[in-house]
Amino acid sequence: MNRLSFRCRHRHASGFELDVAFEIEHQVTSLFGPSGSGKTTVLALIAGALRPQSGLIELGERTLVDTARRVCLAAERRRVGLVFQDHLLFPHLNVEKNLRYGERRRAAGARKIDFAQVVEVLELGDLLGRMPRNLSGGQRQRVALGRSLLAGPELLLLDEPLAALDAPLKDRILTYLERVVAQWKLPTLYVSHAASEVERLADWVIVLRQGRVAATGTPGEVLHLGQGTAASEFKL
């Protein structure tokens, strides 16, 4: 499994400053914390949507960013899949063409994930001819996830993918995420501020607060830190 090493500092124009360092080799790691703690900024730096003022990001044997050596791979060369809570499907393309777009974006040397297998695992077969406007929120999220998988990522980034869904749909999409993790063994960084999602999906948790790492550990350890007096500062 690819190790992700992240050590970055980045200051936004708003004045918010991120100063975060971690290394992970777990299957599913959750970035957990309240809104504004820096979770999405970390994902943007890994995916290449932001360039840090200083830092080093390594994925396996590949260096994605090293500001000391002026290395900053373009987003399309990072082999990172990113799924937002807003599905961002192409409205003029049907489901199959949205999925095929992911295939076309697969970088040279990237892992090839079989189209038919993605359709089967995410149960998209009956939806291939439909347009995004005719899909439910949960169906659109499954298509967005499938499109990211077909690009052959070495790391999957999920930015609060369930935030816009109601409770029954959240449960269903969590089941699909569990299937994806089991099927392709992709290291996954999952952003959430919902403890129930983190407890169900994650092997490891990194708690962010005000742009800093406040705690790390298993979900059982970290999500219950607030029960102890000494660790009450980490309670969210």
Protein backbone atom coordinates (compact mmCIF):
# COMPACT_ATOMS: atom_id res chain seq x y z
CA MET A 1 0.00 0.00 0.00
CA ASN A 2 1.30 3.46 -0.92
CA ARG A 3 2.52 5.57 1.98
CA LEU A 4 1.41 9.20 1.96
CA SER A 5 3.80 11.67 3.54
CA PHE A 6 2.51 15.22 3.97
CA ARG A 7 4.35 18.18 5.49
CA CYS A 8 3.05 21.55 4.31
CA ARG A 9 2.53 25.13 5.37
CA HIS A 10 0.09 27.29 3.47
CA ARG A 11 -1.41 30.67 4.27
CA HIS A 12 -4.63 31.78 2.57
CA ALA A 13 -5.32 35.39 1.65
CA SER A 14 -7.97 35.37 4.39
CA GLY A 15 -5.22 34.92 6.97
CA PHE A 16 -5.96 31.25 7.73
CA GLU A 17 -2.70 29.32 8.03
CA LEU A 18 -2.30 25.57 7.68
CA ASP A 19 0.75 23.94 9.26
CA VAL A 20 0.24 20.18 9.12
CA ALA A 21 2.49 17.11 9.01
CA PHE A 22 1.51 13.43 8.95
CA GLU A 23 2.43 10.09 7.42
CA ILE A 24 -0.13 7.38 6.77
CA GLU A 25 -0.10 3.83 5.43
CA HIS A 26 -3.63 2.82 6.44
CA GLN A 27 -6.37 1.72 4.05
CA VAL A 28 -8.81 4.50 5.00
CA THR A 29 -7.68 7.56 6.94
CA SER A 30 -10.15 10.24 7.98
CA LEU A 31 -9.36 13.92 8.25
CA PHE A 32 -11.80 14.86 10.98
CA GLY A 33 -12.66 18.23 12.43
CA PRO A 34 -15.04 21.17 12.40
CA SER A 35 -15.64 23.38 9.37
CA GLY A 36 -12.72 25.72 8.76
CA SER A 37 -10.11 23.48 10.37
CA GLY A 38 -8.14 22.95 7.14
CA LYS A 39 -9.42 19.57 5.94
CA THR A 40 -10.27 20.65 2.38
CA THR A 41 -7.05 22.65 2.12
CA VAL A 42 -5.05 19.47 2.79
CA LEU A 43 -6.91 17.67 0.00
CA ALA A 44 -6.41 20.59 -2.40
CA LEU A 45 -2.67 20.59 -1.73
CA ILE A 46 -2.44 16.83 -2.36
CA ALA A 47 -4.58 16.96 -5.51
CA GLY A 48 -2.70 19.92 -6.97
CA ALA A 49 -5.45 22.53 -6.78
CA LEU A 50 -3.24 24.55 -4.42
CA ARG A 51 0.53 24.95 -4.22
CA PRO A 52 1.91 25.30 -0.67
CA GLN A 53 4.24 28.13 0.30
CA SER A 54 6.52 25.43 1.70
CA GLY A 55 6.27 21.69 1.98
CA LEU A 56 6.85 18.13 0.85
CA ILE A 57 4.22 15.65 -0.37
CA GLU A 58 5.22 12.11 -1.31
CA LEU A 59 3.00 9.25 -2.45
CA GLY A 60 4.81 5.94 -2.41
CA GLU A 61 8.10 6.45 -4.23
CA ARG A 62 6.89 9.51 -6.11
CA THR A 63 7.37 13.11 -5.03
CA LEU A 64 4.30 15.22 -5.79
CA VAL A 65 5.57 18.43 -4.20
CA ASP A 66 8.94 19.50 -2.84
CA THR A 67 9.18 23.27 -2.60
CA ALA A 68 12.84 23.10 -1.55
CA ARG A 69 13.67 21.49 -4.91
CA ARG A 70 10.99 23.40 -6.83
CA VAL A 71 9.10 20.22 -7.67
CA CYS A 72 5.34 20.51 -8.17
CA LEU A 73 3.68 17.90 -10.38
CA ALA A 74 0.69 19.03 -12.41
CA ALA A 75 -2.62 17.78 -11.04
CA GLU A 76 -3.19 15.42 -13.99
CA ARG A 77 0.16 13.68 -13.32
CA ARG A 78 -0.43 13.00 -9.62
CA ARG A 79 -2.65 9.90 -10.06
CA VAL A 80 -4.99 11.13 -7.36
CA GLY A 81 -8.78 10.75 -7.54
CA LEU A 82 -10.89 13.48 -5.93
CA VAL A 83 -14.62 13.23 -5.20
CA PHE A 84 -16.47 16.25 -3.77
CA GLN A 85 -19.86 16.50 -2.06
CA ASP A 86 -20.90 18.37 -5.24
CA HIS A 87 -20.78 15.67 -7.87
CA LEU A 88 -19.54 17.86 -10.77
CA LEU A 89 -20.75 15.51 -13.50
CA PHE A 90 -20.86 16.80 -17.07
CA PRO A 91 -24.55 17.67 -17.55
CA HIS A 92 -24.44 17.19 -21.33
CA LEU A 93 -23.01 13.65 -21.10
CA ASN A 94 -24.89 10.52 -20.08
CA VAL A 95 -23.62 8.27 -17.28
CA GLU A 96 -21.54 6.04 -19.53
CA LYS A 97 -19.81 9.00 -21.18
CA ASN A 98 -19.12 10.58 -17.79
CA LEU A 99 -17.50 7.32 -16.71
CA ARG A 100 -15.53 6.98 -19.96
CA TYR A 101 -14.16 10.48 -19.38
CA GLY A 102 -12.44 9.06 -16.29
CA GLU A 103 -10.85 6.36 -18.45
CA ARG A 104 -9.55 8.96 -20.90
CA ARG A 105 -7.94 10.90 -18.05
CA ARG A 106 -5.88 7.91 -16.91
CA ALA A 107 -2.24 8.97 -16.89
CA ALA A 108 0.45 6.96 -18.63
CA GLY A 109 1.60 4.20 -16.29
CA ALA A 110 -1.42 4.55 -14.02
CA ARG A 111 -3.29 1.52 -12.75
CA LYS A 112 -6.00 0.26 -15.13
CA ILE A 113 -9.34 -0.41 -13.47
CA ASP A 114 -11.86 -2.39 -15.52
CA PHE A 115 -14.93 -0.46 -16.67
CA ALA A 116 -17.31 -3.41 -16.32
CA GLN A 117 -16.07 -4.10 -12.81
CA VAL A 118 -16.70 -0.51 -11.73
CA VAL A 119 -20.21 -0.65 -13.20
CA GLU A 120 -20.88 -3.91 -11.35
CA VAL A 121 -19.50 -2.89 -7.94
CA LEU A 122 -21.30 0.47 -7.97
CA GLU A 123 -24.47 -0.98 -9.55
CA LEU A 124 -24.53 1.48 -12.44
CA GLY A 125 -25.62 -0.86 -15.22
CA ASP A 126 -29.21 0.38 -15.37
CA LEU A 127 -28.08 4.01 -15.35
CA LEU A 128 -25.58 4.09 -18.23
CA GLY A 129 -27.93 5.75 -20.72
CA ARG A 130 -29.38 8.30 -18.31
CA MET A 131 -28.44 11.98 -18.05
CA PRO A 132 -27.22 13.47 -14.75
CA ARG A 133 -30.35 15.61 -14.38
CA ASN A 134 -32.40 12.41 -14.19
CA LEU A 135 -30.34 10.88 -11.37
CA SER A 136 -30.87 11.05 -7.62
CA GLY A 137 -28.17 12.54 -5.39
CA GLY A 138 -26.97 9.10 -4.39
CA GLN A 139 -26.82 7.92 -8.00
CA ARG A 140 -24.82 11.00 -9.04
CA GLN A 141 -22.38 10.37 -6.20
CA ARG A 142 -21.87 6.77 -7.35
CA VAL A 143 -21.17 7.97 -10.91
CA ALA A 144 -18.68 10.56 -9.64
CA LEU A 145 -16.93 7.87 -7.61
CA GLY A 146 -16.83 5.52 -10.60
CA ARG A 147 -15.38 8.22 -12.84
CA SER A 148 -12.58 8.86 -10.33
CA LEU A 149 -11.81 5.14 -10.06
CA LEU A 150 -11.56 4.73 -13.83
CA ALA A 151 -8.81 7.36 -13.96
CA GLY A 152 -6.59 4.80 -12.18
CA PRO A 153 -5.71 6.70 -9.00
CA GLU A 154 -3.07 5.58 -6.52
CA LEU A 155 -4.88 7.57 -3.81
CA LEU A 156 -8.56 8.40 -3.44
CA LEU A 157 -9.57 11.70 -1.83
CA LEU A 158 -13.17 12.03 -0.64
CA ASP A 159 -14.21 15.52 0.43
CA GLU A 160 -17.36 15.11 2.56
CA PRO A 161 -19.06 13.06 -0.19
CA LEU A 162 -22.13 12.38 1.96
CA ALA A 163 -22.75 15.88 3.28
CA ALA A 164 -25.61 16.67 0.89
CA LEU A 165 -27.42 13.34 1.36
CA ASP A 166 -30.13 12.35 3.83
CA ALA A 167 -29.55 9.58 6.39
CA PRO A 168 -30.84 6.58 4.36
CA LEU A 169 -28.81 7.63 1.31
CA LYS A 170 -25.71 8.16 3.45
CA ASP A 171 -25.97 4.60 4.67
CA ARG A 172 -26.28 3.27 1.11
CA ILE A 173 -23.32 5.28 -0.20
CA LEU A 174 -21.19 4.18 2.76
CA THR A 175 -21.93 0.61 1.70
CA TYR A 176 -20.67 1.38 -1.82
CA LEU A 177 -17.54 3.04 -0.41
CA GLU A 178 -16.87 -0.07 1.66
CA ARG A 179 -17.21 -2.17 -1.51
CA VAL A 180 -14.73 0.06 -3.36
CA VAL A 181 -12.16 -0.15 -0.56
CA ALA A 182 -12.52 -3.94 -0.36
CA GLN A 183 -12.39 -4.45 -4.14
CA TRP A 184 -9.45 -2.24 -5.15
CA LYS A 185 -7.51 -1.75 -1.88
CA LEU A 186 -7.05 1.92 -2.71
CA PRO A 187 -5.57 4.06 0.06
CA THR A 188 -8.27 6.59 0.83
CA LEU A 189 -8.28 9.95 2.62
CA TYR A 190 -11.80 10.67 3.79
CA VAL A 191 -12.82 14.16 4.95
CA SER A 192 -15.74 14.39 7.35
CA HIS A 193 -17.01 16.05 10.49
CA ALA A 194 -19.54 13.25 11.12
CA ALA A 195 -18.26 10.84 13.77
CA SER A 196 -20.63 8.03 12.73
CA GLU A 197 -19.18 7.98 9.19
CA VAL A 198 -15.62 8.00 10.48
CA GLU A 199 -16.27 5.17 12.96
CA ARG A 200 -17.75 3.03 10.21
CA LEU A 201 -15.25 3.61 7.43
CA ALA A 202 -11.86 4.71 8.78
CA ASP A 203 -8.91 2.73 10.12
CA TRP A 204 -7.05 5.84 11.29
CA VAL A 205 -8.09 9.37 12.18
CA ILE A 206 -6.25 12.69 12.01
CA VAL A 207 -8.06 15.42 13.91
CA LEU A 208 -7.50 18.94 12.58
CA ARG A 209 -8.27 22.09 14.51
CA GLN A 210 -7.44 25.63 13.36
CA GLY A 211 -4.96 24.42 10.75
CA ARG A 212 -3.02 22.12 13.07
CA VAL A 213 -3.05 18.41 13.95
CA ALA A 214 -4.82 18.10 17.31
CA ALA A 215 -4.81 14.31 17.65
CA THR A 216 -4.20 11.06 15.77
CA GLY A 217 -5.24 7.48 16.43
CA THR A 218 -7.83 4.83 15.72
CA PRO A 219 -11.48 5.93 15.57
CA GLY A 220 -12.10 4.30 18.93
CA GLU A 221 -9.26 6.24 20.51
CA VAL A 222 -9.66 9.64 18.90
CA LEU A 223 -13.42 10.03 18.69
CA HIS A 224 -13.79 9.40 22.41
CA LEU A 225 -10.93 11.59 23.60
CA GLY A 226 -13.43 14.16 24.81
CA GLN A 227 -14.61 11.75 27.50
CA GLY A 228 -11.33 12.26 29.41
CA THR A 229 -10.48 15.43 31.28
CA ALA A 230 -6.95 15.67 29.95
CA ALA A 231 -8.08 15.35 26.34
CA SER A 232 -11.20 17.47 26.50
CA GLU A 233 -9.64 20.10 24.25
CA PHE A 234 -9.96 17.68 21.31
CA LYS A 235 -13.70 17.21 21.65
CA LEU A 236 -15.49 18.47 18.55
